[in-house]
Every structure is written in structure tokens, then in C-alpha cells.
Amino acid sequence: MPKYQPGDYVKAEFKDEDTGESEWMWVLVDSCDDGEGVLFGRLDNEPVVGTGLRLGDELAVSYEKVVEHRKAKDFGKQ
């Protein structure tokens, strides 16, 4: 079974290359490649830091950047 499933949410770090500022944002997983350690998905929140990203952008994210993982059914639970 893959580490992440379609419909899962991961929080990943995104760094602005110009300022060095980081922001942690949610990505909705579409698919993943466990062999390469990369997931593919869509940005699920509007960035605050000027990373050049926008809500809904399609992304490839290294597993190394993931700081939190939640199943869709658990997303609203604290």
C-alpha cells in the first residue's frame, strides 16, 4: 500500500527563494510515487508568503517536505 492515498492531506513546507521565508501549507494528494518519495497533488490553501503559488496549483512534493499527514475523514478533528 502506498504511503499516501488519493484524497489524503499533507502539510508541507514551501520556501520563498527570494526572502527565505517558509510557509507550511496543505496539499490534497492525487497520487504518489513511493519509489521516488514524491507525491502529486493540489495546493489546498491560499498562500500568505510570496511563494508564487496559488490555491489549486498542481504540485510535486518530496516526502522530505511533509510535516503532517491526515486522512480526509480526520481532517476536521483535532
N, C-alpha and C. Protein backbone atom coordinates (compact mmCIF):
# COMPACT_ATOMS: atom_id res chain seq x y z
N MET A 1 0.84 -1.19 0.00
CA MET A 1 0.00 0.00 0.00
C MET A 1 0.89 1.25 0.00
N PRO A 2 0.60 2.22 -0.87
CA PRO A 2 1.39 3.46 -0.90
C PRO A 2 1.31 4.22 0.43
N LYS A 3 2.32 5.00 0.69
CA LYS A 3 2.38 5.78 1.93
C LYS A 3 1.24 6.78 2.02
N TYR A 4 0.93 7.44 0.92
CA TYR A 4 -0.17 8.42 0.86
C TYR A 4 -1.18 7.95 -0.19
N GLN A 5 -2.45 8.18 0.10
CA GLN A 5 -3.53 7.76 -0.78
C GLN A 5 -4.20 8.99 -1.41
N PRO A 6 -4.79 8.85 -2.61
CA PRO A 6 -5.57 9.95 -3.17
C PRO A 6 -6.65 10.37 -2.17
N GLY A 7 -6.77 11.68 -1.98
CA GLY A 7 -7.74 12.22 -1.02
C GLY A 7 -7.14 12.53 0.34
N ASP A 8 -5.93 12.03 0.62
CA ASP A 8 -5.24 12.39 1.86
C ASP A 8 -4.78 13.84 1.77
N TYR A 9 -4.52 14.40 2.94
CA TYR A 9 -3.96 15.75 3.03
C TYR A 9 -2.59 15.66 3.68
N VAL A 10 -1.64 16.43 3.15
CA VAL A 10 -0.34 16.55 3.78
C VAL A 10 -0.03 18.04 3.94
N LYS A 11 0.64 18.35 5.04
CA LYS A 11 1.13 19.71 5.24
C LYS A 11 2.62 19.67 4.90
N ALA A 12 3.03 20.57 4.01
CA ALA A 12 4.41 20.59 3.54
C ALA A 12 4.98 22.00 3.64
N GLU A 13 6.30 22.05 3.73
CA GLU A 13 6.98 23.34 3.80
C GLU A 13 7.28 23.84 2.39
N PHE A 14 6.97 25.12 2.18
CA PHE A 14 7.29 25.79 0.92
C PHE A 14 8.11 27.02 1.28
N LYS A 15 9.23 27.19 0.61
CA LYS A 15 10.14 28.28 0.92
C LYS A 15 10.18 29.27 -0.23
N ASP A 16 10.08 30.56 0.11
CA ASP A 16 10.24 31.63 -0.87
C ASP A 16 11.74 31.79 -1.12
N GLU A 17 12.19 31.52 -2.32
CA GLU A 17 13.61 31.57 -2.65
C GLU A 17 14.20 32.98 -2.53
N ASP A 18 13.38 34.01 -2.74
CA ASP A 18 13.88 35.39 -2.67
C ASP A 18 14.08 35.86 -1.23
N THR A 19 13.11 35.57 -0.36
CA THR A 19 13.17 36.08 1.01
C THR A 19 13.69 35.06 2.01
N GLY A 20 13.61 33.78 1.65
CA GLY A 20 14.00 32.73 2.58
C GLY A 20 12.91 32.37 3.57
N GLU A 21 11.76 33.05 3.50
CA GLU A 21 10.64 32.77 4.40
C GLU A 21 10.01 31.43 4.03
N SER A 22 9.54 30.72 5.04
CA SER A 22 8.85 29.45 4.82
C SER A 22 7.40 29.56 5.23
N GLU A 23 6.59 28.75 4.57
CA GLU A 23 5.17 28.64 4.92
C GLU A 23 4.79 27.17 4.82
N TRP A 24 3.97 26.71 5.75
CA TRP A 24 3.51 25.33 5.75
C TRP A 24 2.08 25.34 5.27
N MET A 25 1.82 24.60 4.17
CA MET A 25 0.51 24.62 3.54
C MET A 25 0.02 23.21 3.27
N TRP A 26 -1.30 23.09 3.20
CA TRP A 26 -1.93 21.79 2.94
C TRP A 26 -1.97 21.50 1.45
N VAL A 27 -1.69 20.24 1.13
CA VAL A 27 -1.77 19.74 -0.25
C VAL A 27 -2.70 18.54 -0.24
N LEU A 28 -3.67 18.53 -1.15
CA LEU A 28 -4.58 17.40 -1.34
C LEU A 28 -3.92 16.43 -2.31
N VAL A 29 -3.68 15.21 -1.85
CA VAL A 29 -2.93 14.22 -2.63
C VAL A 29 -3.78 13.65 -3.76
N ASP A 30 -3.21 13.65 -4.97
CA ASP A 30 -3.84 13.00 -6.13
C ASP A 30 -3.22 11.62 -6.37
N SER A 31 -1.88 11.53 -6.24
CA SER A 31 -1.16 10.26 -6.44
C SER A 31 0.22 10.40 -5.80
N CYS A 32 0.93 9.28 -5.74
CA CYS A 32 2.28 9.33 -5.19
C CYS A 32 3.16 8.27 -5.83
N ASP A 33 4.45 8.48 -5.69
CA ASP A 33 5.46 7.54 -6.17
C ASP A 33 6.36 7.22 -4.99
N ASP A 34 6.07 6.12 -4.29
CA ASP A 34 6.84 5.76 -3.11
C ASP A 34 8.30 5.49 -3.45
N GLY A 35 8.57 4.94 -4.62
CA GLY A 35 9.94 4.65 -5.02
C GLY A 35 10.79 5.90 -5.12
N GLU A 36 10.21 6.97 -5.61
CA GLU A 36 10.92 8.24 -5.75
C GLU A 36 10.72 9.16 -4.55
N GLY A 37 9.75 8.81 -3.67
CA GLY A 37 9.48 9.64 -2.50
C GLY A 37 8.87 10.98 -2.85
N VAL A 38 7.93 10.94 -3.82
CA VAL A 38 7.28 12.16 -4.29
C VAL A 38 5.78 11.94 -4.36
N LEU A 39 5.03 12.96 -3.92
CA LEU A 39 3.58 12.92 -4.10
C LEU A 39 3.16 14.03 -5.03
N PHE A 40 2.02 13.83 -5.65
CA PHE A 40 1.48 14.80 -6.60
C PHE A 40 0.11 15.20 -6.09
N GLY A 41 -0.16 16.51 -6.10
CA GLY A 41 -1.44 16.96 -5.59
C GLY A 41 -1.68 18.42 -5.92
N ARG A 42 -2.68 18.98 -5.22
CA ARG A 42 -3.10 20.36 -5.45
C ARG A 42 -3.04 21.15 -4.16
N LEU A 43 -2.53 22.36 -4.23
CA LEU A 43 -2.46 23.23 -3.07
C LEU A 43 -3.87 23.51 -2.57
N ASP A 44 -4.09 23.30 -1.26
CA ASP A 44 -5.44 23.38 -0.71
C ASP A 44 -5.65 24.59 0.19
N ASN A 45 -4.72 25.51 0.24
CA ASN A 45 -4.98 26.78 0.93
C ASN A 45 -4.26 27.91 0.21
N GLU A 46 -4.74 29.12 0.47
CA GLU A 46 -4.17 30.31 -0.18
C GLU A 46 -2.89 30.71 0.55
N PRO A 47 -1.78 30.80 -0.15
CA PRO A 47 -0.52 31.18 0.49
C PRO A 47 -0.55 32.62 1.03
N VAL A 48 0.20 32.84 2.10
CA VAL A 48 0.35 34.17 2.68
C VAL A 48 1.71 34.73 2.29
N VAL A 49 2.75 33.89 2.37
CA VAL A 49 4.10 34.28 1.99
C VAL A 49 4.19 34.29 0.47
N GLY A 50 4.93 35.22 -0.09
CA GLY A 50 5.04 35.37 -1.54
C GLY A 50 5.83 34.27 -2.22
N THR A 51 5.28 33.06 -2.26
CA THR A 51 5.99 31.94 -2.89
C THR A 51 5.71 31.82 -4.38
N GLY A 52 4.78 32.60 -4.89
CA GLY A 52 4.40 32.48 -6.28
C GLY A 52 3.36 31.40 -6.51
N LEU A 53 2.91 30.74 -5.44
CA LEU A 53 1.90 29.68 -5.55
C LEU A 53 0.50 30.24 -5.32
N ARG A 54 -0.49 29.52 -5.85
CA ARG A 54 -1.89 29.91 -5.67
C ARG A 54 -2.72 28.69 -5.31
N LEU A 55 -3.81 28.94 -4.64
CA LEU A 55 -4.78 27.90 -4.30
C LEU A 55 -5.11 27.08 -5.55
N GLY A 56 -5.02 25.75 -5.46
CA GLY A 56 -5.36 24.88 -6.58
C GLY A 56 -4.20 24.52 -7.49
N ASP A 57 -3.04 25.16 -7.31
CA ASP A 57 -1.87 24.83 -8.15
C ASP A 57 -1.52 23.35 -8.02
N GLU A 58 -1.19 22.72 -9.13
CA GLU A 58 -0.74 21.33 -9.12
C GLU A 58 0.74 21.30 -8.76
N LEU A 59 1.10 20.39 -7.84
CA LEU A 59 2.44 20.36 -7.30
C LEU A 59 2.99 18.95 -7.22
N ALA A 60 4.31 18.85 -7.22
CA ALA A 60 5.02 17.63 -6.86
C ALA A 60 5.76 17.99 -5.57
N VAL A 61 5.59 17.16 -4.54
CA VAL A 61 6.17 17.45 -3.23
C VAL A 61 7.00 16.25 -2.77
N SER A 62 8.24 16.51 -2.38
CA SER A 62 9.09 15.47 -1.83
C SER A 62 8.57 15.04 -0.46
N TYR A 63 8.61 13.75 -0.19
CA TYR A 63 8.19 13.24 1.12
C TYR A 63 8.98 13.94 2.24
N GLU A 64 10.19 14.36 1.96
CA GLU A 64 11.03 15.03 2.96
C GLU A 64 10.45 16.35 3.43
N LYS A 65 9.59 16.97 2.62
CA LYS A 65 8.98 18.26 2.97
C LYS A 65 7.69 18.11 3.78
N VAL A 66 7.18 16.88 3.90
CA VAL A 66 5.91 16.65 4.60
C VAL A 66 6.14 16.65 6.10
N VAL A 67 5.35 17.50 6.81
CA VAL A 67 5.46 17.59 8.27
C VAL A 67 4.23 17.05 8.99
N GLU A 68 3.15 16.83 8.23
CA GLU A 68 1.92 16.29 8.82
C GLU A 68 1.12 15.57 7.74
N HIS A 69 0.42 14.52 8.14
CA HIS A 69 -0.38 13.71 7.22
C HIS A 69 -1.70 13.40 7.88
N ARG A 70 -2.80 13.66 7.17
CA ARG A 70 -4.13 13.34 7.68
C ARG A 70 -4.97 12.70 6.58
N LYS A 71 -5.80 11.77 6.98
CA LYS A 71 -6.82 11.22 6.09
C LYS A 71 -7.93 12.25 5.97
N ALA A 72 -8.63 12.28 4.86
CA ALA A 72 -9.70 13.26 4.65
C ALA A 72 -10.74 13.19 5.77
N LYS A 73 -11.08 11.98 6.23
CA LYS A 73 -12.11 11.85 7.26
C LYS A 73 -11.67 12.43 8.60
N ASP A 74 -10.36 12.56 8.81
CA ASP A 74 -9.84 13.08 10.06
C ASP A 74 -9.43 14.55 9.98
N PHE A 75 -9.56 15.15 8.83
CA PHE A 75 -9.02 16.49 8.62
C PHE A 75 -9.60 17.51 9.58
N GLY A 76 -10.87 17.43 9.90
CA GLY A 76 -11.50 18.40 10.79
C GLY A 76 -11.30 18.11 12.26
N LYS A 77 -10.77 16.95 12.60
CA LYS A 77 -10.58 16.57 14.00
C LYS A 77 -9.28 17.13 14.55
N GLN A 78 -9.29 17.50 15.81
CA GLN A 78 -8.07 17.99 16.47
C GLN A 78 -7.63 17.05 17.54
